[in-house]
Protein backbone atom coordinates (compact mmCIF):
# COMPACT_ATOMS: atom_id res chain seq x y z
CA MET A 1 45.14 147.80 73.20
CA SER A 2 45.70 147.12 76.97
CA ASP A 3 41.95 146.26 77.40
CA GLU A 4 41.91 144.19 74.33
CA ARG A 5 45.06 142.30 75.38
CA ALA A 6 43.65 141.65 78.83
CA ARG A 7 40.41 140.22 77.25
CA LEU A 8 42.43 137.88 75.00
CA THR A 9 44.80 136.59 77.64
CA ARG A 10 41.99 135.96 80.08
CA SER A 11 39.94 134.12 77.45
CA ALA A 12 42.98 131.88 76.67
CA ALA A 13 43.50 131.23 80.42
CA PHE A 14 39.83 130.32 80.92
CA ALA A 15 39.98 128.05 77.88
CA SER A 16 42.88 126.12 79.22
CA ILE A 17 41.28 125.76 82.68
CA THR A 18 38.12 124.41 81.08
CA MET A 19 40.14 121.99 78.97
CA ALA A 20 42.17 120.76 81.91
CA LEU A 21 39.02 120.02 83.89
CA LEU A 22 37.39 118.06 81.08
CA LEU A 23 40.54 116.13 80.24
CA GLY A 24 41.34 115.44 83.78
CA ALA A 25 38.05 113.78 84.44
CA LEU A 26 38.33 111.68 81.28
CA LYS A 27 41.82 110.51 82.08
CA LEU A 28 40.99 109.68 85.70
CA TRP A 29 38.35 107.27 84.30
CA ALA A 30 40.76 105.93 81.76
CA VAL A 31 43.35 105.16 84.43
CA ALA A 32 40.89 103.28 86.43
CA GLN A 33 39.92 101.28 83.33
CA THR A 34 43.48 100.55 81.99
CA GLY A 35 45.92 100.76 84.85
CA SER A 36 48.44 102.20 82.32
CA THR A 37 51.51 104.06 83.60
CA ALA A 38 51.57 106.22 80.43
CA MET A 39 47.89 107.03 80.94
CA LEU A 40 48.65 107.83 84.70
CA GLY A 41 51.52 110.12 83.53
CA SER A 42 49.05 111.81 81.19
CA LEU A 43 46.60 112.26 84.05
CA ALA A 44 49.34 113.71 86.30
CA ASP A 45 50.39 116.14 83.59
CA THR A 46 46.74 117.22 83.04
CA SER A 47 46.22 117.80 86.73
CA LEU A 48 49.23 120.03 86.87
CA ASP A 49 47.94 121.64 83.64
CA LEU A 50 44.97 122.84 85.69
CA VAL A 51 47.10 124.23 88.48
CA ALA A 52 49.33 125.86 85.90
CA SER A 53 46.38 127.34 84.05
CA LEU A 54 45.10 128.80 87.24
CA ALA A 55 48.55 130.34 87.80
CA THR A 56 48.39 131.63 84.25
CA LEU A 57 45.01 133.25 84.87
CA ALA A 58 46.35 134.95 87.98
CA GLY A 59 49.46 136.08 86.11
CA VAL A 60 47.74 137.66 83.16
CA TRP A 61 45.21 139.22 85.51
CA VAL A 62 47.85 140.93 87.59
CA ALA A 63 49.95 141.90 84.60
CA ALA A 64 46.98 143.72 83.04
CA GLN A 65 46.73 146.05 86.03
CA PRO A 66 48.01 149.56 85.37
CA ALA A 67 51.07 151.03 87.14
CA ASP A 68 50.46 152.09 90.72
CA ARG A 69 52.17 153.84 93.60
CA GLU A 70 54.14 150.69 94.49
CA HIS A 71 54.81 149.46 90.95
CA ARG A 72 55.81 152.39 88.83
CA PHE A 73 56.96 150.23 85.95
CA GLY A 74 53.63 148.27 85.95
CA HIS A 75 52.99 144.61 86.64
CA GLY A 76 54.15 142.98 83.45
CA LYS A 77 56.69 140.58 85.23
CA ALA A 78 53.65 138.80 86.88
CA GLU A 79 53.47 136.80 83.58
CA ALA A 80 57.09 135.71 83.88
CA LEU A 81 56.49 134.68 87.49
CA ALA A 82 53.45 132.67 86.42
CA ALA A 83 55.50 131.02 83.71
CA MET A 84 58.29 130.05 86.20
CA PHE A 85 55.57 128.58 88.48
CA GLN A 86 54.27 126.44 85.53
CA ILE A 87 57.88 125.37 84.80
CA LEU A 88 58.29 124.16 88.38
CA LEU A 89 55.01 122.10 88.18
CA ILE A 90 56.03 120.59 84.82
CA THR A 91 59.42 119.54 86.42
CA LEU A 92 57.75 117.88 89.38
CA SER A 93 55.20 116.16 87.16
CA ALA A 94 57.96 114.75 84.96
CA SER A 95 59.92 113.57 87.99
CA ALA A 96 56.90 111.68 89.45
CA ILE A 97 56.17 110.09 86.09
CA ALA A 98 59.79 108.96 85.69
CA PHE A 99 59.84 107.45 89.23
CA ARG A 100 56.57 105.50 88.49
CA ALA A 101 57.86 104.23 85.20
CA VAL A 102 61.15 102.92 86.74
CA LEU A 103 59.21 101.14 89.36
CA HIS A 104 57.08 99.40 86.74
CA LEU A 105 60.19 98.50 84.74
CA ALA A 106 61.63 96.94 87.88
CA ASN A 107 58.51 95.16 89.16
CA GLY A 108 56.45 94.56 85.90
CA ASN A 109 53.34 96.16 84.88
CA GLU A 110 49.95 94.96 83.62
CA THR A 111 47.48 97.09 81.68
CA ARG A 112 44.01 96.35 80.34
CA GLY A 113 41.20 97.96 78.41
CA ALA A 114 43.20 99.58 75.64
CA GLU A 115 40.07 100.67 73.83
CA GLN A 116 38.95 103.06 76.62
CA GLY A 117 42.39 104.53 76.91
CA ILE A 118 42.69 105.10 73.27
CA VAL A 119 39.34 106.77 72.91
CA VAL A 120 40.19 109.17 75.81
CA SER A 121 43.52 110.00 74.21
CA VAL A 122 41.90 110.71 70.99
CA VAL A 123 39.34 113.07 72.55
CA ALA A 124 42.27 114.67 74.46
CA ILE A 125 44.19 115.26 71.14
CA VAL A 126 41.21 116.90 69.40
CA GLY A 127 40.51 119.16 72.36
CA THR A 128 44.15 120.10 72.78
CA LEU A 129 44.48 120.96 69.14
CA ALA A 130 41.60 123.36 69.41
CA LEU A 131 43.05 125.02 72.63
CA VAL A 132 46.62 125.33 71.18
CA ALA A 133 45.12 127.02 68.08
CA TRP A 134 43.40 129.60 70.19
CA GLN A 135 46.44 130.12 72.37
CA ARG A 136 48.68 130.70 69.39
CA HIS A 137 46.20 133.35 68.20
CA VAL A 138 46.28 135.08 71.45
CA VAL A 139 50.11 134.93 71.60
CA ARG A 140 50.43 136.43 68.16
CA LYS A 141 48.07 139.26 69.16
CA THR A 142 49.49 139.96 72.62
CA GLY A 143 52.89 138.42 72.90
CA SER A 144 51.94 137.13 76.41
CA LEU A 145 54.73 135.12 77.98
CA ALA A 146 52.34 133.26 80.42
CA ILE A 147 50.09 132.17 77.72
CA HIS A 148 53.11 131.13 75.53
CA THR A 149 54.44 128.96 78.27
CA ASP A 150 50.93 127.39 78.86
CA SER A 151 50.79 126.71 75.10
CA VAL A 152 54.07 125.08 75.09
CA HIS A 153 52.92 122.72 77.84
CA TYR A 154 49.74 121.82 75.99
CA GLN A 155 51.72 121.28 72.75
CA SER A 156 53.73 118.68 74.64
CA ASP A 157 50.43 117.13 75.54
CA LEU A 158 49.74 116.38 71.92
CA LEU A 159 52.73 114.09 71.82
CA LEU A 160 52.09 112.70 75.30
CA ASN A 161 48.63 111.55 74.24
CA CYS A 162 49.92 110.08 71.02
CA ALA A 163 52.57 108.23 73.12
CA VAL A 164 49.79 106.78 75.37
CA ILE A 165 48.05 105.39 72.27
CA VAL A 166 51.16 103.74 70.92
CA ALA A 167 52.03 102.39 74.38
CA LEU A 168 48.67 100.73 74.75
CA VAL A 169 48.77 99.35 71.33
CA LEU A 170 52.21 97.87 71.70
CA ASP A 171 51.50 96.50 75.26
CA GLN A 172 48.11 94.95 74.77
CA TYR A 173 47.90 94.08 70.96
CA LEU A 174 51.54 93.28 70.25
CA GLY A 175 52.53 91.81 73.64
CA LEU A 176 55.38 94.26 74.37
CA ALA A 177 54.94 94.37 78.10
CA MET A 178 57.65 96.93 78.73
CA ALA A 179 56.28 99.40 76.23
CA ASP A 180 54.04 101.22 78.61
CA PRO A 181 56.57 102.10 81.29
CA LEU A 182 59.23 102.86 78.69
CA PHE A 183 56.85 105.36 77.02
CA GLY A 184 56.05 106.78 80.40
CA LEU A 185 59.75 107.40 80.95
CA ALA A 186 60.06 108.94 77.51
CA ILE A 187 57.12 111.21 78.35
CA ALA A 188 58.91 112.42 81.57
CA VAL A 189 62.08 113.24 79.50
CA TRP A 190 60.03 115.15 76.97
CA LEU A 191 58.34 117.23 79.75
CA LEU A 192 61.71 118.05 81.32
CA PHE A 193 63.02 119.16 77.98
CA ASN A 194 59.98 121.47 77.47
CA ALA A 195 60.35 122.91 81.05
CA TRP A 196 64.00 123.77 80.19
CA ARG A 197 62.98 125.37 76.90
CA ALA A 198 60.20 127.37 78.38
CA SER A 199 62.29 128.59 81.21
CA ILE A 200 64.52 130.46 78.78
CA ASP A 201 61.98 133.20 77.88
CA ALA A 202 60.77 133.55 81.50
CA ILE A 203 64.27 133.96 82.87
CA ASP A 204 65.16 136.47 80.11
CA ALA A 205 62.02 138.60 81.14
CA LEU A 206 62.91 138.49 84.76
CA MET A 207 66.54 139.29 84.18
CA ASP A 208 65.70 142.24 81.89
CA ARG A 209 67.40 140.77 78.86
CA GLU A 210 68.06 143.23 76.01
CA TRP A 211 65.74 143.37 72.96
CA PRO A 212 66.71 141.08 70.10
CA GLU A 213 69.48 142.51 68.01
CA GLU A 214 67.24 143.17 64.93
CA LYS A 215 64.83 145.14 67.11
CA ARG A 216 67.54 147.21 68.60
CA THR A 217 69.02 147.90 65.23
CA ALA A 218 65.66 149.02 63.88
CA PHE A 219 65.20 151.31 66.88
CA VAL A 220 68.61 152.98 66.29
CA ALA A 221 67.87 153.34 62.54
CA ALA A 222 64.56 155.08 63.43
CA ALA A 223 66.37 157.42 65.94
CA ALA A 224 69.07 158.24 63.33
CA LYS A 225 66.43 159.77 60.99
CA HIS A 226 66.34 162.73 63.39
CA PRO A 227 69.05 165.16 62.26
CA GLU A 228 68.85 167.14 65.51
CA LEU A 229 70.26 164.26 67.44
CA SER A 230 73.95 163.23 67.46
CA ARG A 231 76.10 160.53 68.93
CA LEU A 232 73.34 158.27 70.31
CA HIS A 233 75.00 156.02 73.05
CA ASP A 234 74.26 154.11 76.28
CA LEU A 235 71.21 152.47 74.73
CA ARG A 236 69.49 150.18 77.24
CA THR A 237 66.35 148.18 76.49
CA ARG A 238 64.11 145.63 78.18
CA THR A 239 60.51 144.27 78.00
CA SER A 240 58.04 143.72 80.81
CA GLY A 241 54.76 142.13 79.86
CA GLU A 242 53.32 144.13 76.96
CA THR A 243 55.53 147.27 77.64
CA ASP A 244 58.85 147.93 76.06
CA PHE A 245 61.31 150.21 77.91
CA ALA A 246 64.28 151.98 76.26
CA GLN A 247 66.66 154.73 77.35
CA PHE A 248 69.58 156.44 75.72
CA HIS A 249 71.93 159.43 75.78
CA VAL A 250 72.35 161.98 72.90
CA ASP A 251 74.51 164.97 72.39
CA LEU A 252 72.86 168.40 71.85
CA PRO A 253 74.62 171.73 71.54
CA GLY A 254 75.36 173.37 74.92
CA SER A 255 73.95 176.63 73.62
CA LEU A 256 70.39 175.38 73.57
CA THR A 257 68.05 176.42 76.35
CA VAL A 258 66.45 173.82 78.48
CA ALA A 259 63.08 174.47 76.74
CA GLU A 260 64.60 174.07 73.27
CA ALA A 261 66.37 170.82 74.21
CA HIS A 262 63.15 169.56 75.80
CA ALA A 263 61.19 170.40 72.69
CA ILE A 264 63.60 168.34 70.47
CA THR A 265 63.45 165.28 72.80
CA GLU A 266 59.67 165.51 72.91
CA ARG A 267 59.48 165.37 69.08
CA VAL A 268 61.89 162.44 69.06
CA GLU A 269 59.95 160.55 71.79
CA THR A 270 56.66 161.13 69.93
CA ASP A 271 57.94 159.78 66.73
CA LEU A 272 59.68 156.71 68.23
CA CYS A 273 56.74 155.82 70.45
CA ALA A 274 54.49 155.90 67.36
CA GLN A 275 56.85 153.53 65.50
CA PHE A 276 57.18 151.18 68.48
CA PRO A 277 53.73 150.85 70.17
CA GLY A 278 53.81 150.08 73.85
CA LEU A 279 57.16 151.80 74.35
CA GLU A 280 58.18 153.94 77.28
CA LEU A 281 61.18 156.01 76.33
CA LEU A 282 63.61 158.01 78.38
CA ILE A 283 66.26 160.29 76.61
CA HIS A 284 69.11 161.81 78.50
CA ILE A 285 70.73 164.83 77.03
CA ASP A 286 74.46 165.41 77.20
CA PRO A 287 76.22 168.66 76.09
CA ALA A 288 78.17 168.17 72.88
CA GLY A 289 81.77 167.01 73.53
CA HIS A 290 80.87 165.36 76.91
CA LEU A 291 82.51 161.91 77.19
CA ASP A 292 80.99 159.06 79.15
CA GLU A 293 82.87 156.03 80.37
CA PRO A 294 82.76 153.49 77.47
CA ASP A 295 80.22 150.63 77.68
CA ASN A 296 81.17 147.87 75.34
CA MET A 297 77.77 146.11 75.77
CA LEU A 298 75.82 148.94 74.19
CA VAL A 299 75.27 150.48 70.72
CA GLU A 300 78.44 151.73 68.95
CA GLU A 301 78.40 155.43 68.18
CA ASN A 302 79.76 154.68 64.73
CA GLU A 303 76.81 152.65 63.83
CA PHE A 304 74.48 155.50 64.74
CA LYS A 305 76.58 157.88 62.69
CA ARG A 306 76.52 155.57 59.69
CA LEU A 307 72.75 155.31 59.93
CA GLU A 308 72.48 159.04 60.28
CA GLN A 309 74.40 159.54 56.99
CA GLU A 310 72.24 157.13 54.92
CA PRO A 311 69.93 158.85 52.57
CA PRO A 312 66.24 158.46 53.59
CA ARG A 313 64.37 155.65 51.68
């Protein structure tokens, strides 16, 4: 699975780099032909797409490396770091576009050659649709955070290119001279919104956010099917790249030998890891009757007991 994941994520990263190079060249020519602020904003965004896609490639490449002496938990967070770098670039791009748009609103703006700009934008839309379709396929297969963030950026490009077409039509065919810088400003706001939205997943990964509640509940339900366990508590979960991490405490009779207790936890680990592929699990054994300090953020023991008592389906 790891090799297949690495192949898919790298293919998506190389595809986005190729698309950014192609569209960047086309939009540079279109800016020279039209003088459009909206098209210039689109060019700036595509230029940063290229840098971001290079960062994505580096991120997925590093994340695919196995755990080593210095990184015992693997390199999965490299994807979140690449995503944060992309978000920084998106924010800088949006700020520059907004500044240019405000200047044109204050000083006036003249565009020309709408046909060339429209043709380039249509080509960009078609190419971006193909790229986003492939990125979505890769994200469904791998769950890659870096590719997901890259895809979010390219999805915003679809609206951006549509906005360029509308701005050029309004400016040159309908005589609305302020349409171009206003659309440029709207594009900047849209990019900032996407940067904020994409940052949530990256920050969650870097801050070791718990699994979604439905996944935690499913995990507890699977553990509760093992009658040899009792009083599961202190469950902690997180995700790094393609790897899920979970740890919890369970009570076992104090009369068991170390070998017997180890055999029980081995069976539980084997079963849970089979049900949750990509899981690294750590089980801590407490002697029955042992009381830990309460942790209100973690799974309630009563929920585990209720699931234990449910008849198997």
